[in-house]
Amino acid sequence: MIKAVSFDLDGTLVYHKKEYILEVVGKTLLELGFQPDEKFSYEFWYGSNRSKIIQEKLGIEPMRFWKIFWEYDKPEMRIKNTEVYEDVLALKSIYDRGIKLGIVTGALSNVAKLEISKINEKVKGIKFDSVITNKPGMKPKPYPDPLLESLKELGVEKEELIYVGNGMEDVEAAKKAGIFPVIVLREENKWMNFDISVKLINSLYELEKML
């Protein structure tokens, strides 16, 4: 019996305006001497292990990219360009059934807090019983550590939790933690090649029917 559902944030519950993604990544590329590239911008923004993407696609030390990127991707600007997916409304009926909700994200805590506030504005009457963000000392996804921490905070067993994400790092982290992964297909991740063993849904309303 499923007693809790944890969610990734970016690309799963919220998304960022395309023009913002292209502007931030494009300016970073230009400053590094590269031409703006739409395909790279989306692959970087929504891909897993982004430092590896930087190294493989650009052939530079990832920290060089990140230092410039963070100058353009300020938390206050990111939140202004963040929207909540319409089907996030499905979380209300899930919550009303007594199923606990959690967040496991690679975002920094200040960014995650702002994004969650946007979700709470759209979906009234829900709360997240566990919020795990990117923090020092914890290995990020695709390592299982954040999901194992979420299990503890939610007070459920592995077989009682579903993790919903949008990328391969979400699948890998869930499988390593012994948790059932679900991928919600969005416009931004339809180019990814997911393993046939992964449960794919087109909307969070489908998740509601699974529980």
C-alpha atoms as a PDB file:
ATOM      1  CA  MET A   1       0.000   0.000   0.000  1.00  0.00           C
ATOM      2  CA  ILE A   2       1.353   3.402  -0.986  1.00  0.00           C
ATOM      3  CA  LYS A   3       1.490   5.790   1.962  1.00  0.00           C
ATOM      4  CA  ALA A   4       3.610   8.594   0.487  1.00  0.00           C
ATOM      5  CA  VAL A   5       4.682  10.179  -2.796  1.00  0.00           C
ATOM      6  CA  SER A   6       7.819  12.280  -3.183  1.00  0.00           C
ATOM      7  CA  PHE A   7       8.356  14.565  -6.159  1.00  0.00           C
ATOM      8  CA  ASP A   8      11.210  16.200  -7.964  1.00  0.00           C
ATOM      9  CA  LEU A   9      10.613  19.939  -8.466  1.00  0.00           C
ATOM     10  CA  ASP A  10      12.073  21.404 -11.665  1.00  0.00           C
ATOM     11  CA  GLY A  11      10.514  19.876 -14.760  1.00  0.00           C
ATOM     12  CA  THR A  12       8.132  17.788 -12.640  1.00  0.00           C
ATOM     13  CA  LEU A  13       5.982  20.183 -10.604  1.00  0.00           C
ATOM     14  CA  VAL A  14       7.304  23.507 -11.891  1.00  0.00           C
ATOM     15  CA  TYR A  15       8.962  24.700 -15.073  1.00  0.00           C
ATOM     16  CA  HIS A  16      10.936  27.710 -16.205  1.00  0.00           C
ATOM     17  CA  LYS A  17       9.989  29.912 -19.114  1.00  0.00           C
ATOM     18  CA  LYS A  18      11.811  28.940 -22.300  1.00  0.00           C
ATOM     19  CA  GLU A  19      13.018  32.468 -22.945  1.00  0.00           C
ATOM     20  CA  TYR A  20      14.611  32.564 -19.489  1.00  0.00           C
ATOM     21  CA  ILE A  21      16.451  29.274 -20.022  1.00  0.00           C
ATOM     22  CA  LEU A  22      17.739  30.374 -23.425  1.00  0.00           C
ATOM     23  CA  GLU A  23      18.779  33.786 -22.100  1.00  0.00           C
ATOM     24  CA  VAL A  24      20.658  32.516 -19.038  1.00  0.00           C
ATOM     25  CA  VAL A  25      22.448  29.643 -20.762  1.00  0.00           C
ATOM     26  CA  GLY A  26      23.007  31.707 -23.917  1.00  0.00           C
ATOM     27  CA  LYS A  27      24.709  34.554 -22.039  1.00  0.00           C
ATOM     28  CA  THR A  28      26.854  32.051 -20.153  1.00  0.00           C
ATOM     29  CA  LEU A  29      27.952  30.402 -23.404  1.00  0.00           C
ATOM     30  CA  LEU A  30      28.759  33.748 -25.031  1.00  0.00           C
ATOM     31  CA  GLU A  31      30.904  34.823 -22.104  1.00  0.00           C
ATOM     32  CA  LEU A  32      32.832  31.558 -22.424  1.00  0.00           C
ATOM     33  CA  GLY A  33      33.357  32.085 -26.155  1.00  0.00           C
ATOM     34  CA  PHE A  34      30.648  29.707 -27.424  1.00  0.00           C
ATOM     35  CA  GLN A  35      27.648  30.471 -29.594  1.00  0.00           C
ATOM     36  CA  PRO A  36      24.216  30.118 -27.932  1.00  0.00           C
ATOM     37  CA  ASP A  37      22.778  26.685 -28.667  1.00  0.00           C
ATOM     38  CA  GLU A  38      19.120  25.858 -28.045  1.00  0.00           C
ATOM     39  CA  LYS A  39      19.616  22.078 -27.965  1.00  0.00           C
ATOM     40  CA  PHE A  40      22.482  22.356 -25.484  1.00  0.00           C
ATOM     41  CA  SER A  41      20.477  24.806 -23.348  1.00  0.00           C
ATOM     42  CA  TYR A  42      17.589  22.376 -22.857  1.00  0.00           C
ATOM     43  CA  GLU A  43      19.813  19.326 -22.483  1.00  0.00           C
ATOM     44  CA  PHE A  44      21.835  21.135 -19.820  1.00  0.00           C
ATOM     45  CA  TRP A  45      18.829  22.596 -17.981  1.00  0.00           C
ATOM     46  CA  TYR A  46      16.823  19.389 -17.738  1.00  0.00           C
ATOM     47  CA  GLY A  47      19.539  16.752 -18.047  1.00  0.00           C
ATOM     48  CA  SER A  48      21.080  14.691 -15.284  1.00  0.00           C
ATOM     49  CA  ASN A  49      24.672  15.223 -14.090  1.00  0.00           C
ATOM     50  CA  ARG A  50      24.934  18.692 -15.576  1.00  0.00           C
ATOM     51  CA  SER A  51      28.618  19.075 -14.746  1.00  0.00           C
ATOM     52  CA  LYS A  52      29.287  16.021 -16.901  1.00  0.00           C
ATOM     53  CA  ILE A  53      27.254  17.573 -19.734  1.00  0.00           C
ATOM     54  CA  ILE A  54      29.374  20.738 -19.502  1.00  0.00           C
ATOM     55  CA  GLN A  55      32.592  18.748 -19.599  1.00  0.00           C
ATOM     56  CA  GLU A  56      31.559  16.460 -22.462  1.00  0.00           C
ATOM     57  CA  LYS A  57      29.772  19.004 -24.672  1.00  0.00           C
ATOM     58  CA  LEU A  58      31.964  22.062 -24.083  1.00  0.00           C
ATOM     59  CA  GLY A  59      35.250  20.488 -23.046  1.00  0.00           C
ATOM     60  CA  ILE A  60      35.811  22.913 -20.174  1.00  0.00           C
ATOM     61  CA  GLU A  61      36.124  22.691 -16.407  1.00  0.00           C
ATOM     62  CA  PRO A  62      32.511  22.703 -15.092  1.00  0.00           C
ATOM     63  CA  MET A  63      33.230  25.272 -12.370  1.00  0.00           C
ATOM     64  CA  ARG A  64      34.192  27.830 -15.040  1.00  0.00           C
ATOM     65  CA  PHE A  65      30.698  27.460 -16.466  1.00  0.00           C
ATOM     66  CA  TRP A  66      28.917  27.424 -13.107  1.00  0.00           C
ATOM     67  CA  LYS A  67      30.556  30.628 -11.828  1.00  0.00           C
ATOM     68  CA  ILE A  68      29.282  32.581 -14.828  1.00  0.00           C
ATOM     69  CA  PHE A  69      25.928  30.775 -14.924  1.00  0.00           C
ATOM     70  CA  TRP A  70      25.168  31.693 -11.294  1.00  0.00           C
ATOM     71  CA  GLU A  71      25.763  35.353 -12.100  1.00  0.00           C
ATOM     72  CA  TYR A  72      22.815  35.230 -14.498  1.00  0.00           C
ATOM     73  CA  ASP A  73      20.610  32.644 -12.767  1.00  0.00           C
ATOM     74  CA  LYS A  74      19.785  34.579  -9.604  1.00  0.00           C
ATOM     75  CA  PRO A  75      17.096  33.116  -7.281  1.00  0.00           C
ATOM     76  CA  GLU A  76      14.910  36.226  -7.555  1.00  0.00           C
ATOM     77  CA  MET A  77      15.036  36.101 -11.362  1.00  0.00           C
ATOM     78  CA  ARG A  78      14.474  32.356 -11.500  1.00  0.00           C
ATOM     79  CA  ILE A  79      11.329  32.551  -9.382  1.00  0.00           C
ATOM     80  CA  LYS A  80       9.934  35.364 -11.562  1.00  0.00           C
ATOM     81  CA  ASN A  81      10.310  33.015 -14.509  1.00  0.00           C
ATOM     82  CA  THR A  82       8.915  29.918 -12.793  1.00  0.00           C
ATOM     83  CA  GLU A  83       5.449  28.536 -13.498  1.00  0.00           C
ATOM     84  CA  VAL A  84       3.525  25.637 -11.949  1.00  0.00           C
ATOM     85  CA  TYR A  85       2.263  22.850 -14.206  1.00  0.00           C
ATOM     86  CA  GLU A  86      -1.535  22.778 -14.413  1.00  0.00           C
ATOM     87  CA  ASP A  87      -1.803  19.095 -13.416  1.00  0.00           C
ATOM     88  CA  VAL A  88      -0.160  19.807 -10.046  1.00  0.00           C
ATOM     89  CA  LEU A  89      -3.759  20.338  -8.912  1.00  0.00           C
ATOM     90  CA  ALA A  90      -3.893  16.517  -8.724  1.00  0.00           C
ATOM     91  CA  LEU A  91      -1.821  16.704  -5.532  1.00  0.00           C
ATOM     92  CA  LYS A  92      -4.845  17.986  -3.611  1.00  0.00           C
ATOM     93  CA  SER A  93      -6.907  14.829  -4.069  1.00  0.00           C
ATOM     94  CA  ILE A  94      -3.843  12.668  -3.315  1.00  0.00           C
ATOM     95  CA  TYR A  95      -3.222  14.611  -0.104  1.00  0.00           C
ATOM     96  CA  ASP A  96      -6.907  14.475   0.862  1.00  0.00           C
ATOM     97  CA  ARG A  97      -6.706  10.666   0.765  1.00  0.00           C
ATOM     98  CA  GLY A  98      -4.192  10.769   3.616  1.00  0.00           C
ATOM     99  CA  ILE A  99      -1.145  10.126   1.436  1.00  0.00           C
ATOM    100  CA  LYS A 100       1.920  12.060   2.572  1.00  0.00           C
ATOM    101  CA  LEU A 101       3.700  14.350   0.108  1.00  0.00           C
ATOM    102  CA  GLY A 102       7.424  14.994  -0.115  1.00  0.00           C
ATOM    103  CA  ILE A 103       9.954  16.880  -2.236  1.00  0.00           C
ATOM    104  CA  VAL A 104      13.395  15.603  -3.243  1.00  0.00           C
ATOM    105  CA  THR A 105      15.209  18.121  -5.422  1.00  0.00           C
ATOM    106  CA  GLY A 106      18.693  19.058  -6.492  1.00  0.00           C
ATOM    107  CA  ALA A 107      17.767  22.731  -6.123  1.00  0.00           C
ATOM    108  CA  LEU A 108      19.281  24.844  -3.371  1.00  0.00           C
ATOM    109  CA  SER A 109      17.038  25.357  -0.335  1.00  0.00           C
ATOM    110  CA  ASN A 110      16.323  29.040  -1.028  1.00  0.00           C
ATOM    111  CA  VAL A 111      15.238  28.280  -4.605  1.00  0.00           C
ATOM    112  CA  ALA A 112      13.199  25.234  -3.542  1.00  0.00           C
ATOM    113  CA  LYS A 113      11.410  27.271  -0.866  1.00  0.00           C
ATOM    114  CA  LEU A 114      10.346  29.873  -3.423  1.00  0.00           C
ATOM    115  CA  GLU A 115       9.192  27.233  -5.908  1.00  0.00           C
ATOM    116  CA  ILE A 116       7.191  25.402  -3.242  1.00  0.00           C
ATOM    117  CA  SER A 117       5.524  28.690  -2.293  1.00  0.00           C
ATOM    118  CA  LYS A 118       4.339  28.970  -5.910  1.00  0.00           C
ATOM    119  CA  ILE A 119       2.871  25.459  -5.695  1.00  0.00           C
ATOM    120  CA  ASN A 120       1.081  26.330  -2.450  1.00  0.00           C
ATOM    121  CA  GLU A 121      -0.390  29.422  -4.097  1.00  0.00           C
ATOM    122  CA  LYS A 122      -1.869  27.253  -6.840  1.00  0.00           C
ATOM    123  CA  VAL A 123      -2.895  24.242  -4.740  1.00  0.00           C
ATOM    124  CA  LYS A 124      -4.557  25.292  -1.507  1.00  0.00           C
ATOM    125  CA  GLY A 125      -4.793  23.022   1.520  1.00  0.00           C
ATOM    126  CA  ILE A 126      -1.751  20.773   1.037  1.00  0.00           C
ATOM    127  CA  LYS A 127       1.580  20.532   2.809  1.00  0.00           C
ATOM    128  CA  PHE A 128       4.818  18.713   2.118  1.00  0.00           C
ATOM    129  CA  ASP A 129       5.820  16.516   5.057  1.00  0.00           C
ATOM    130  CA  SER A 130       9.422  16.279   3.854  1.00  0.00           C
ATOM    131  CA  VAL A 131      11.547  18.621   1.737  1.00  0.00           C
ATOM    132  CA  ILE A 132      15.041  17.410   0.817  1.00  0.00           C
ATOM    133  CA  THR A 133      17.214  19.916  -1.056  1.00  0.00           C
ATOM    134  CA  ASN A 134      20.807  20.152  -2.242  1.00  0.00           C
ATOM    135  CA  LYS A 135      22.929  20.542   0.871  1.00  0.00           C
ATOM    136  CA  PRO A 136      26.574  20.062   1.899  1.00  0.00           C
ATOM    137  CA  GLY A 137      27.527  16.570   2.975  1.00  0.00           C
ATOM    138  CA  MET A 138      24.767  14.782   1.073  1.00  0.00           C
ATOM    139  CA  LYS A 139      25.460  13.131  -2.264  1.00  0.00           C
ATOM    140  CA  PRO A 140      22.906  14.375  -4.827  1.00  0.00           C
ATOM    141  CA  LYS A 141      20.826  12.313  -7.247  1.00  0.00           C
ATOM    142  CA  PRO A 142      21.567   9.913  -8.938  1.00  0.00           C
ATOM    143  CA  TYR A 143      22.910   8.755  -5.558  1.00  0.00           C
ATOM    144  CA  PRO A 144      20.108   7.349  -3.374  1.00  0.00           C
ATOM    145  CA  ASP A 145      20.994   9.437  -0.305  1.00  0.00           C
ATOM    146  CA  PRO A 146      18.341  12.195  -0.730  1.00  0.00           C
ATOM    147  CA  LEU A 147      15.576   9.632  -1.229  1.00  0.00           C
ATOM    148  CA  LEU A 148      16.697   7.589   1.762  1.00  0.00           C
ATOM    149  CA  GLU A 149      16.579  10.783   3.831  1.00  0.00           C
ATOM    150  CA  SER A 150      13.070  11.435   2.527  1.00  0.00           C
ATOM    151  CA  LEU A 151      12.013   7.941   3.635  1.00  0.00           C
ATOM    152  CA  LYS A 152      13.127   8.708   7.184  1.00  0.00           C
ATOM    153  CA  GLU A 153      11.348  12.047   7.324  1.00  0.00           C
ATOM    154  CA  LEU A 154       8.129  10.626   5.876  1.00  0.00           C
ATOM    155  CA  GLY A 155       8.241   7.663   8.244  1.00  0.00           C
ATOM    156  CA  VAL A 156       7.416   5.055   5.599  1.00  0.00           C
ATOM    157  CA  GLU A 157       9.034   1.914   4.185  1.00  0.00           C
ATOM    158  CA  LYS A 158      10.609   1.710   0.719  1.00  0.00           C
ATOM    159  CA  GLU A 159       7.694  -0.231  -0.736  1.00  0.00           C
ATOM    160  CA  GLU A 160       5.265   2.392   0.589  1.00  0.00           C
ATOM    161  CA  LEU A 161       6.825   5.290  -1.339  1.00  0.00           C
ATOM    162  CA  ILE A 162       6.671   6.333  -5.000  1.00  0.00           C
ATOM    163  CA  TYR A 163       9.117   8.871  -6.410  1.00  0.00           C
ATOM    164  CA  VAL A 164       7.964  11.003  -9.334  1.00  0.00           C
ATOM    165  CA  GLY A 165      10.545  12.771 -11.468  1.00  0.00           C
ATOM    166  CA  ASN A 166      11.333  13.800 -15.013  1.00  0.00           C
ATOM    167  CA  GLY A 167      14.851  12.548 -15.725  1.00  0.00           C
ATOM    168  CA  MET A 168      17.194   9.578 -15.670  1.00  0.00           C
ATOM    169  CA  GLU A 169      18.870  10.757 -12.465  1.00  0.00           C
ATOM    170  CA  ASP A 170      15.468  10.443 -10.763  1.00  0.00           C
ATOM    171  CA  VAL A 171      15.071   6.879 -12.029  1.00  0.00           C
ATOM    172  CA  GLU A 172      18.602   5.899 -10.994  1.00  0.00           C
ATOM    173  CA  ALA A 173      18.283   7.401  -7.519  1.00  0.00           C
ATOM    174  CA  ALA A 174      14.931   5.716  -6.890  1.00  0.00           C
ATOM    175  CA  LYS A 175      16.102   2.298  -8.073  1.00  0.00           C
ATOM    176  CA  LYS A 176      19.255   2.482  -5.951  1.00  0.00           C
ATOM    177  CA  ALA A 177      17.102   3.372  -2.943  1.00  0.00           C
ATOM    178  CA  GLY A 178      14.699   0.501  -3.649  1.00  0.00           C
ATOM    179  CA  ILE A 179      11.826   2.899  -4.382  1.00  0.00           C
ATOM    180  CA  PHE A 180       9.395   2.643  -7.303  1.00  0.00           C
ATOM    181  CA  PRO A 181      10.136   5.400  -9.866  1.00  0.00           C
ATOM    182  CA  VAL A 182       7.558   7.140 -12.040  1.00  0.00           C
ATOM    183  CA  ILE A 183       8.420   9.569 -14.831  1.00  0.00           C
ATOM    184  CA  VAL A 184       5.968  12.273 -15.853  1.00  0.00           C
ATOM    185  CA  LEU A 185       6.444  13.153 -19.508  1.00  0.00           C
ATOM    186  CA  ARG A 186       6.772  16.853 -20.203  1.00  0.00           C
ATOM    187  CA  GLU A 187       7.632  18.718 -23.374  1.00  0.00           C
ATOM    188  CA  GLU A 188      11.152  19.213 -22.027  1.00  0.00           C
ATOM    189  CA  ASN A 189      11.981  15.530 -21.440  1.00  0.00           C
ATOM    190  CA  LYS A 190      10.325  13.721 -24.343  1.00  0.00           C
ATOM    191  CA  TRP A 191      13.696  13.517 -26.108  1.00  0.00           C
ATOM    192  CA  MET A 192      15.104  11.317 -23.329  1.00  0.00           C
ATOM    193  CA  ASN A 193      15.298   7.561 -23.882  1.00  0.00           C
ATOM    194  CA  PHE A 194      13.766   5.990 -20.801  1.00  0.00           C
ATOM    195  CA  ASP A 195      14.158   2.285 -20.092  1.00  0.00           C
ATOM    196  CA  ILE A 196      11.062   0.248 -20.952  1.00  0.00           C
ATOM    197  CA  SER A 197      10.888  -0.898 -17.328  1.00  0.00           C
ATOM    198  CA  VAL A 198      10.181   2.667 -16.148  1.00  0.00           C
ATOM    199  CA  LYS A 199       6.567   3.638 -15.521  1.00  0.00           C
ATOM    200  CA  LEU A 200       5.739   6.645 -17.718  1.00  0.00           C
ATOM    201  CA  ILE A 201       2.723   8.893 -17.242  1.00  0.00           C
ATOM    202  CA  ASN A 202       1.548  11.835 -19.333  1.00  0.00           C
ATOM    203  CA  SER A 203      -0.040  13.726 -16.463  1.00  0.00           C
ATOM    204  CA  LEU A 204      -0.070  13.787 -12.675  1.00  0.00           C
ATOM    205  CA  TYR A 205      -3.770  12.976 -12.903  1.00  0.00           C
ATOM    206  CA  GLU A 206      -2.673   9.505 -14.062  1.00  0.00           C
ATOM    207  CA  LEU A 207      -0.618   9.177 -10.874  1.00  0.00           C
ATOM    208  CA  GLU A 208      -3.743   9.836  -8.850  1.00  0.00           C
ATOM    209  CA  LYS A 209      -5.397   6.811 -10.492  1.00  0.00           C
ATOM    210  CA  MET A 210      -2.383   4.579  -9.719  1.00  0.00           C
ATOM    211  CA  LEU A 211      -2.623   5.014  -5.956  1.00  0.00           C
END
